[in-house]
Amino acid sequence: MLDAVAKTLEQALSYKDGERDMCILQHKFEIEHASGTKELRTSTLLEYGEPWPGATSMAKTVGIPCAIAVQLVLDGKITKKGILAPFAPEIYEPIIELLEKEGIKCVEETVATY
């Protein structure tokens, strides 16, 4: 039964020639400064895939960061061992720089101050 549902969905939801996908990621930050003023800031990623049968936006936003991180390890630019979360500047800064060269970047905006 599950195989039949999967086959039906595969046919109904597959990309047609020339169609493309889109990924949107948005984080909202409510910031309270030491002065007492508050700010609402957003960080938004909007990425479009290439027309089918090209690379999807999901493939690009998952595969390219992974490939960049692996290349940085192989080049000896990331030397820490083990499973690393990208919270340290020495990890995320070179990755962000290389992602932006690939055209993948977040746009940061101050939406409101109060």
Foldseek 3Di string as FASTA:
>chain_A
DVVVVVVVCCVVPPADAFDADKDKDKDWDWDQDPVRKIWIKMKMWIDIFGGPPGGHRVCCVPVLLVVQQVVCVVVVQDDDDDDDDQPDCSRVVVSQVVVVVVVTGIDMDTPDMD
